[in-house]
PDB file of all heavy atoms in Angstrom:
ATOM      1  N   ILE A   1      19.446  -2.471  -6.339  1.00  0.00           N
ATOM      2  CA  ILE A   1      18.662  -1.954  -5.205  1.00  0.00           C
ATOM      3  C   ILE A   1      17.596  -0.973  -5.686  1.00  0.00           C
ATOM      4  O   ILE A   1      16.428  -1.033  -5.274  1.00  0.00           O
ATOM      5  CB  ILE A   1      19.594  -1.277  -4.180  1.00  0.00           C
ATOM      6  CG1 ILE A   1      20.462  -2.320  -3.479  1.00  0.00           C
ATOM      7  CG2 ILE A   1      18.782  -0.480  -3.147  1.00  0.00           C
ATOM      8  CD1 ILE A   1      21.499  -1.720  -2.548  1.00  0.00           C
ATOM      9  N   LYS A   2      17.995  -0.080  -6.558  1.00  0.00           N
ATOM     10  CA  LYS A   2      17.041   0.919  -7.056  1.00  0.00           C
ATOM     11  C   LYS A   2      15.907   0.256  -7.819  1.00  0.00           C
ATOM     12  O   LYS A   2      14.734   0.613  -7.646  1.00  0.00           O
ATOM     13  CB  LYS A   2      17.769   1.919  -7.953  1.00  0.00           C
ATOM     14  CG  LYS A   2      16.872   3.031  -8.465  1.00  0.00           C
ATOM     15  CD  LYS A   2      17.660   4.068  -9.254  1.00  0.00           C
ATOM     16  CE  LYS A   2      16.752   5.207  -9.717  1.00  0.00           C
ATOM     17  NZ  LYS A   2      17.499   6.220 -10.490  1.00  0.00           N
ATOM     18  N   SER A   3      16.247  -0.725  -8.653  1.00  0.00           N
ATOM     19  CA  SER A   3      15.220  -1.401  -9.441  1.00  0.00           C
ATOM     20  C   SER A   3      14.225  -2.125  -8.541  1.00  0.00           C
ATOM     21  O   SER A   3      13.006  -2.004  -8.711  1.00  0.00           O
ATOM     22  CB  SER A   3      15.869  -2.379 -10.412  1.00  0.00           C
ATOM     23  OG  SER A   3      14.894  -3.106 -11.127  1.00  0.00           O
ATOM     24  N   TYR A   4      14.731  -2.873  -7.564  1.00  0.00           N
ATOM     25  CA  TYR A   4      13.822  -3.632  -6.702  1.00  0.00           C
ATOM     26  C   TYR A   4      13.069  -2.707  -5.743  1.00  0.00           C
ATOM     27  O   TYR A   4      11.904  -2.941  -5.432  1.00  0.00           O
ATOM     28  CB  TYR A   4      14.613  -4.667  -5.902  1.00  0.00           C
ATOM     29  CG  TYR A   4      13.721  -5.724  -5.292  1.00  0.00           C
ATOM     30  CD1 TYR A   4      13.276  -6.796  -6.037  1.00  0.00           C
ATOM     31  CD2 TYR A   4      13.295  -5.624  -3.966  1.00  0.00           C
ATOM     32  CE1 TYR A   4      12.438  -7.757  -5.493  1.00  0.00           C
ATOM     33  CE2 TYR A   4      12.460  -6.569  -3.407  1.00  0.00           C
ATOM     34  CZ  TYR A   4      12.035  -7.637  -4.181  1.00  0.00           C
ATOM     35  OH  TYR A   4      11.195  -8.570  -3.652  1.00  0.00           O
ATOM     36  N   PHE A   5      13.720  -1.648  -5.276  1.00  0.00           N
ATOM     37  CA  PHE A   5      13.049  -0.697  -4.378  1.00  0.00           C
ATOM     38  C   PHE A   5      11.841  -0.056  -5.052  1.00  0.00           C
ATOM     39  O   PHE A   5      10.790   0.128  -4.426  1.00  0.00           O
ATOM     40  CB  PHE A   5      14.042   0.375  -3.930  1.00  0.00           C
ATOM     41  CG  PHE A   5      13.453   1.393  -2.995  1.00  0.00           C
ATOM     42  CD1 PHE A   5      13.423   1.172  -1.629  1.00  0.00           C
ATOM     43  CD2 PHE A   5      12.914   2.585  -3.471  1.00  0.00           C
ATOM     44  CE1 PHE A   5      12.885   2.107  -0.765  1.00  0.00           C
ATOM     45  CE2 PHE A   5      12.362   3.513  -2.622  1.00  0.00           C
ATOM     46  CZ  PHE A   5      12.352   3.281  -1.262  1.00  0.00           C
ATOM     47  N   LEU A   6      11.977   0.298  -6.318  1.00  0.00           N
ATOM     48  CA  LEU A   6      10.862   0.916  -7.033  1.00  0.00           C
ATOM     49  C   LEU A   6       9.693  -0.033  -7.160  1.00  0.00           C
ATOM     50  O   LEU A   6       8.521   0.379  -7.106  1.00  0.00           O
ATOM     51  CB  LEU A   6      11.328   1.384  -8.417  1.00  0.00           C
ATOM     52  CG  LEU A   6      12.375   2.508  -8.432  1.00  0.00           C
ATOM     53  CD1 LEU A   6      12.766   2.846  -9.862  1.00  0.00           C
ATOM     54  CD2 LEU A   6      11.853   3.740  -7.719  1.00  0.00           C
ATOM     55  N   ILE A   7       9.974  -1.327  -7.307  1.00  0.00           N
ATOM     56  CA  ILE A   7       8.897  -2.321  -7.378  1.00  0.00           C
ATOM     57  C   ILE A   7       8.156  -2.380  -6.047  1.00  0.00           C
ATOM     58  O   ILE A   7       6.922  -2.359  -5.990  1.00  0.00           O
ATOM     59  CB  ILE A   7       9.477  -3.708  -7.746  1.00  0.00           C
ATOM     60  CG1 ILE A   7      10.064  -3.677  -9.156  1.00  0.00           C
ATOM     61  CG2 ILE A   7       8.407  -4.782  -7.643  1.00  0.00           C
ATOM     62  CD1 ILE A   7      10.803  -4.926  -9.543  1.00  0.00           C
ATOM     63  N   VAL A   8       8.917  -2.434  -4.959  1.00  0.00           N
ATOM     64  CA  VAL A   8       8.293  -2.510  -3.630  1.00  0.00           C
ATOM     65  C   VAL A   8       7.537  -1.229  -3.310  1.00  0.00           C
ATOM     66  O   VAL A   8       6.432  -1.257  -2.752  1.00  0.00           O
ATOM     67  CB  VAL A   8       9.373  -2.792  -2.567  1.00  0.00           C
ATOM     68  CG1 VAL A   8       8.769  -2.751  -1.163  1.00  0.00           C
ATOM     69  CG2 VAL A   8      10.027  -4.143  -2.817  1.00  0.00           C
ATOM     70  N   ARG A   9       8.118  -0.092  -3.634  1.00  0.00           N
ATOM     71  CA  ARG A   9       7.441   1.183  -3.357  1.00  0.00           C
ATOM     72  C   ARG A   9       6.107   1.268  -4.083  1.00  0.00           C
ATOM     73  O   ARG A   9       5.114   1.769  -3.543  1.00  0.00           O
ATOM     74  CB  ARG A   9       8.352   2.344  -3.762  1.00  0.00           C
ATOM     75  CG  ARG A   9       7.785   3.712  -3.369  1.00  0.00           C
ATOM     76  CD  ARG A   9       8.761   4.820  -3.655  1.00  0.00           C
ATOM     77  NE  ARG A   9       8.899   5.067  -5.090  1.00  0.00           N
ATOM     78  CZ  ARG A   9       9.719   5.984  -5.600  1.00  0.00           C
ATOM     79  NH1 ARG A   9      10.490   6.702  -4.789  1.00  0.00           N
ATOM     80  NH2 ARG A   9       9.801   6.147  -6.909  1.00  0.00           N
ATOM     81  N   LYS A  10       6.060   0.796  -5.298  1.00  0.00           N
ATOM     82  CA  LYS A  10       4.816   0.775  -6.057  1.00  0.00           C
ATOM     83  C   LYS A  10       3.777  -0.100  -5.367  1.00  0.00           C
ATOM     84  O   LYS A  10       2.595   0.254  -5.283  1.00  0.00           O
ATOM     85  CB  LYS A  10       5.087   0.293  -7.474  1.00  0.00           C
ATOM     86  CG  LYS A  10       3.869   0.280  -8.375  1.00  0.00           C
ATOM     87  CD  LYS A  10       4.244  -0.186  -9.773  1.00  0.00           C
ATOM     88  CE  LYS A  10       3.013  -0.212 -10.690  1.00  0.00           C
ATOM     89  NZ  LYS A  10       3.370  -0.691 -12.051  1.00  0.00           N
ATOM     90  N   ASN A  11       4.237  -1.261  -4.855  1.00  0.00           N
ATOM     91  CA  ASN A  11       3.316  -2.152  -4.147  1.00  0.00           C
ATOM     92  C   ASN A  11       2.784  -1.497  -2.876  1.00  0.00           C
ATOM     93  O   ASN A  11       1.580  -1.565  -2.578  1.00  0.00           O
ATOM     94  CB  ASN A  11       4.022  -3.466  -3.802  1.00  0.00           C
ATOM     95  CG  ASN A  11       4.403  -4.266  -5.032  1.00  0.00           C
ATOM     96  OD1 ASN A  11       3.828  -4.066  -6.111  1.00  0.00           O
ATOM     97  ND2 ASN A  11       5.362  -5.157  -4.897  1.00  0.00           N
ATOM     98  N   ILE A  12       3.680  -0.869  -2.108  1.00  0.00           N
ATOM     99  CA  ILE A  12       3.269  -0.229  -0.852  1.00  0.00           C
ATOM    100  C   ILE A  12       2.328   0.936  -1.129  1.00  0.00           C
ATOM    101  O   ILE A  12       1.319   1.135  -0.422  1.00  0.00           O
ATOM    102  CB  ILE A  12       4.510   0.248  -0.076  1.00  0.00           C
ATOM    103  CG1 ILE A  12       5.341  -0.949   0.383  1.00  0.00           C
ATOM    104  CG2 ILE A  12       4.108   1.104   1.115  1.00  0.00           C
ATOM    105  CD1 ILE A  12       4.651  -1.853   1.362  1.00  0.00           C
ATOM    106  N   GLN A  13       2.610   1.710  -2.153  1.00  0.00           N
ATOM    107  CA  GLN A  13       1.768   2.858  -2.498  1.00  0.00           C
ATOM    108  C   GLN A  13       0.368   2.421  -2.882  1.00  0.00           C
ATOM    109  O   GLN A  13      -0.597   3.163  -2.689  1.00  0.00           O
ATOM    110  CB  GLN A  13       2.428   3.644  -3.641  1.00  0.00           C
ATOM    111  CG  GLN A  13       1.761   4.989  -3.917  1.00  0.00           C
ATOM    112  CD  GLN A  13       2.567   5.823  -4.894  1.00  0.00           C
ATOM    113  OE1 GLN A  13       3.675   5.459  -5.273  1.00  0.00           O
ATOM    114  NE2 GLN A  13       2.016   6.940  -5.307  1.00  0.00           N
ATOM    115  N   ASP A  14       0.237   1.219  -3.386  1.00  0.00           N
ATOM    116  CA  ASP A  14      -1.078   0.709  -3.786  1.00  0.00           C
ATOM    117  C   ASP A  14      -1.769  -0.022  -2.641  1.00  0.00           C
ATOM    118  O   ASP A  14      -2.994   0.087  -2.479  1.00  0.00           O
ATOM    119  CB  ASP A  14      -0.920  -0.237  -4.977  1.00  0.00           C
ATOM    120  CG  ASP A  14      -2.252  -0.829  -5.410  1.00  0.00           C
ATOM    121  OD1 ASP A  14      -3.116  -0.053  -5.868  1.00  0.00           O
ATOM    122  OD2 ASP A  14      -2.433  -2.047  -5.274  1.00  0.00           O
ATOM    123  N   SER A  15      -1.028  -0.754  -1.827  1.00  0.00           N
ATOM    124  CA  SER A  15      -1.648  -1.624  -0.817  1.00  0.00           C
ATOM    125  C   SER A  15      -1.983  -0.905   0.477  1.00  0.00           C
ATOM    126  O   SER A  15      -2.967  -1.253   1.144  1.00  0.00           O
ATOM    127  CB  SER A  15      -0.725  -2.811  -0.521  1.00  0.00           C
ATOM    128  OG  SER A  15       0.538  -2.362  -0.062  1.00  0.00           O
ATOM    129  N   VAL A  16      -1.199   0.112   0.860  1.00  0.00           N
ATOM    130  CA  VAL A  16      -1.475   0.806   2.126  1.00  0.00           C
ATOM    131  C   VAL A  16      -2.836   1.508   2.118  1.00  0.00           C
ATOM    132  O   VAL A  16      -3.622   1.351   3.060  1.00  0.00           O
ATOM    133  CB  VAL A  16      -0.328   1.785   2.463  1.00  0.00           C
ATOM    134  CG1 VAL A  16      -0.743   2.729   3.603  1.00  0.00           C
ATOM    135  CG2 VAL A  16       0.920   1.019   2.851  1.00  0.00           C
ATOM    136  N   PRO A  17      -3.197   2.325   1.092  1.00  0.00           N
ATOM    137  CA  PRO A  17      -4.542   2.911   1.085  1.00  0.00           C
ATOM    138  C   PRO A  17      -5.651   1.868   1.122  1.00  0.00           C
ATOM    139  O   PRO A  17      -6.683   2.078   1.772  1.00  0.00           O
ATOM    140  CB  PRO A  17      -4.560   3.714  -0.227  1.00  0.00           C
ATOM    141  CG  PRO A  17      -3.137   4.039  -0.501  1.00  0.00           C
ATOM    142  CD  PRO A  17      -2.369   2.842  -0.024  1.00  0.00           C
ATOM    143  N   LYS A  18      -5.443   0.736   0.455  1.00  0.00           N
ATOM    144  CA  LYS A  18      -6.460  -0.321   0.484  1.00  0.00           C
ATOM    145  C   LYS A  18      -6.614  -0.887   1.891  1.00  0.00           C
ATOM    146  O   LYS A  18      -7.734  -1.132   2.355  1.00  0.00           O
ATOM    147  CB  LYS A  18      -6.082  -1.424  -0.500  1.00  0.00           C
ATOM    148  CG  LYS A  18      -6.131  -0.996  -1.954  1.00  0.00           C
ATOM    149  CD  LYS A  18      -5.723  -2.117  -2.880  1.00  0.00           C
ATOM    150  CE  LYS A  18      -5.798  -1.669  -4.348  1.00  0.00           C
ATOM    151  NZ  LYS A  18      -5.390  -2.733  -5.282  1.00  0.00           N
ATOM    152  N   ALA A  19      -5.482  -1.086   2.569  1.00  0.00           N
ATOM    153  CA  ALA A  19      -5.544  -1.604   3.940  1.00  0.00           C
ATOM    154  C   ALA A  19      -6.226  -0.604   4.876  1.00  0.00           C
ATOM    155  O   ALA A  19      -7.043  -0.982   5.726  1.00  0.00           O
ATOM    156  CB  ALA A  19      -4.130  -1.903   4.438  1.00  0.00           C
ATOM    157  N   VAL A  20      -5.923   0.685   4.720  1.00  0.00           N
ATOM    158  CA  VAL A  20      -6.542   1.714   5.563  1.00  0.00           C
ATOM    159  C   VAL A  20      -8.050   1.778   5.318  1.00  0.00           C
ATOM    160  O   VAL A  20      -8.845   1.878   6.259  1.00  0.00           O
ATOM    161  CB  VAL A  20      -5.885   3.085   5.306  1.00  0.00           C
ATOM    162  CG1 VAL A  20      -6.615   4.178   6.076  1.00  0.00           C
ATOM    163  CG2 VAL A  20      -4.419   3.066   5.695  1.00  0.00           C
ATOM    164  N   MET A  21      -8.449   1.714   4.079  1.00  0.00           N
ATOM    165  CA  MET A  21      -9.884   1.746   3.763  1.00  0.00           C
ATOM    166  C   MET A  21     -10.595   0.535   4.359  1.00  0.00           C
ATOM    167  O   MET A  21     -11.698   0.656   4.917  1.00  0.00           O
ATOM    168  CB  MET A  21     -10.084   1.783   2.253  1.00  0.00           C
ATOM    169  CG  MET A  21      -9.760   3.116   1.604  1.00  0.00           C
ATOM    170  SD  MET A  21     -10.803   4.481   2.193  1.00  0.00           S
ATOM    171  CE  MET A  21     -12.420   3.912   1.672  1.00  0.00           C
ATOM    172  N   HIS A  22      -9.984  -0.647   4.255  1.00  0.00           N
ATOM    173  CA  HIS A  22     -10.659  -1.861   4.729  1.00  0.00           C
ATOM    174  C   HIS A  22     -10.697  -1.940   6.250  1.00  0.00           C
ATOM    175  O   HIS A  22     -11.755  -2.184   6.842  1.00  0.00           O
ATOM    176  CB  HIS A  22      -9.962  -3.097   4.163  1.00  0.00           C
ATOM    177  CG  HIS A  22     -10.551  -4.388   4.667  1.00  0.00           C
ATOM    178  ND1 HIS A  22     -11.787  -4.850   4.263  1.00  0.00           N
ATOM    179  CD2 HIS A  22     -10.076  -5.298   5.570  1.00  0.00           C
ATOM    180  CE1 HIS A  22     -12.051  -5.983   4.877  1.00  0.00           C
ATOM    181  NE2 HIS A  22     -11.027  -6.285   5.672  1.00  0.00           N
ATOM    182  N   PHE A  23      -9.567  -1.727   6.878  1.00  0.00           N
ATOM    183  CA  PHE A  23      -9.475  -1.954   8.314  1.00  0.00           C
ATOM    184  C   PHE A  23      -9.930  -0.765   9.150  1.00  0.00           C
ATOM    185  O   PHE A  23     -10.247  -0.940  10.324  1.00  0.00           O
ATOM    186  CB  PHE A  23      -8.035  -2.321   8.692  1.00  0.00           C
ATOM    187  CG  PHE A  23      -7.631  -3.703   8.290  1.00  0.00           C
ATOM    188  CD1 PHE A  23      -7.034  -3.927   7.063  1.00  0.00           C
ATOM    189  CD2 PHE A  23      -7.854  -4.786   9.118  1.00  0.00           C
ATOM    190  CE1 PHE A  23      -6.668  -5.195   6.674  1.00  0.00           C
ATOM    191  CE2 PHE A  23      -7.492  -6.069   8.749  1.00  0.00           C
ATOM    192  CZ  PHE A  23      -6.897  -6.285   7.513  1.00  0.00           C
ATOM    193  N   LEU A  24      -9.954   0.442   8.574  1.00  0.00           N
ATOM    194  CA  LEU A  24     -10.324   1.627   9.362  1.00  0.00           C
ATOM    195  C   LEU A  24     -11.583   2.290   8.827  1.00  0.00           C
ATOM    196  O   LEU A  24     -12.624   2.287   9.496  1.00  0.00           O
ATOM    197  CB  LEU A  24      -9.161   2.624   9.375  1.00  0.00           C
ATOM    198  CG  LEU A  24      -9.389   3.920  10.166  1.00  0.00           C
ATOM    199  CD1 LEU A  24      -9.663   3.610  11.621  1.00  0.00           C
ATOM    200  CD2 LEU A  24      -8.184   4.852  10.034  1.00  0.00           C
ATOM    201  N   VAL A  25     -11.520   2.838   7.614  1.00  0.00           N
ATOM    202  CA  VAL A  25     -12.618   3.670   7.103  1.00  0.00           C
ATOM    203  C   VAL A  25     -13.884   2.846   6.905  1.00  0.00           C
ATOM    204  O   VAL A  25     -14.943   3.148   7.473  1.00  0.00           O
ATOM    205  CB  VAL A  25     -12.194   4.361   5.795  1.00  0.00           C
ATOM    206  CG1 VAL A  25     -13.349   5.220   5.261  1.00  0.00           C
ATOM    207  CG2 VAL A  25     -10.967   5.228   6.022  1.00  0.00           C
ATOM    208  N   ASN A  26     -13.806   1.788   6.096  1.00  0.00           N
ATOM    209  CA  ASN A  26     -15.005   1.000   5.805  1.00  0.00           C
ATOM    210  C   ASN A  26     -15.529   0.276   7.032  1.00  0.00           C
ATOM    211  O   ASN A  26     -16.745   0.114   7.203  1.00  0.00           O
ATOM    212  CB  ASN A  26     -14.711   0.003   4.689  1.00  0.00           C
ATOM    213  CG  ASN A  26     -14.515   0.680   3.349  1.00  0.00           C
ATOM    214  OD1 ASN A  26     -14.905   1.828   3.164  1.00  0.00           O
ATOM    215  ND2 ASN A  26     -13.906  -0.010   2.406  1.00  0.00           N
ATOM    216  N   HIS A  27     -14.626  -0.173   7.885  1.00  0.00           N
ATOM    217  CA  HIS A  27     -15.078  -0.864   9.097  1.00  0.00           C
ATOM    218  C   HIS A  27     -15.873   0.076  10.002  1.00  0.00           C
ATOM    219  O   HIS A  27     -16.904  -0.309  10.567  1.00  0.00           O
ATOM    220  CB  HIS A  27     -13.869  -1.424   9.854  1.00  0.00           C
ATOM    221  CG  HIS A  27     -14.237  -2.284  11.017  1.00  0.00           C
ATOM    222  ND1 HIS A  27     -14.538  -1.775  12.256  1.00  0.00           N
ATOM    223  CD2 HIS A  27     -14.387  -3.636  11.125  1.00  0.00           C
ATOM    224  CE1 HIS A  27     -14.836  -2.746  13.095  1.00  0.00           C
ATOM    225  NE2 HIS A  27     -14.756  -3.893  12.431  1.00  0.00           N
ATOM    226  N   VAL A  28     -15.391   1.314  10.141  1.00  0.00           N
ATOM    227  CA  VAL A  28     -16.124   2.287  10.965  1.00  0.00           C
ATOM    228  C   VAL A  28     -17.470   2.615  10.334  1.00  0.00           C
ATOM    229  O   VAL A  28     -18.493   2.709  11.027  1.00  0.00           O
ATOM    230  CB  VAL A  28     -15.276   3.561  11.154  1.00  0.00           C
ATOM    231  CG1 VAL A  28     -16.099   4.666  11.805  1.00  0.00           C
ATOM    232  CG2 VAL A  28     -14.044   3.265  11.990  1.00  0.00           C
TER     233      VAL A  28
END
């Protein structure tokens, strides 16, 4: 669980700011 959770957390930490920039900041 710990090993796979760290992989997912890394993905979320990278993808969420990108999604916010694309769908909110850059769009505005």
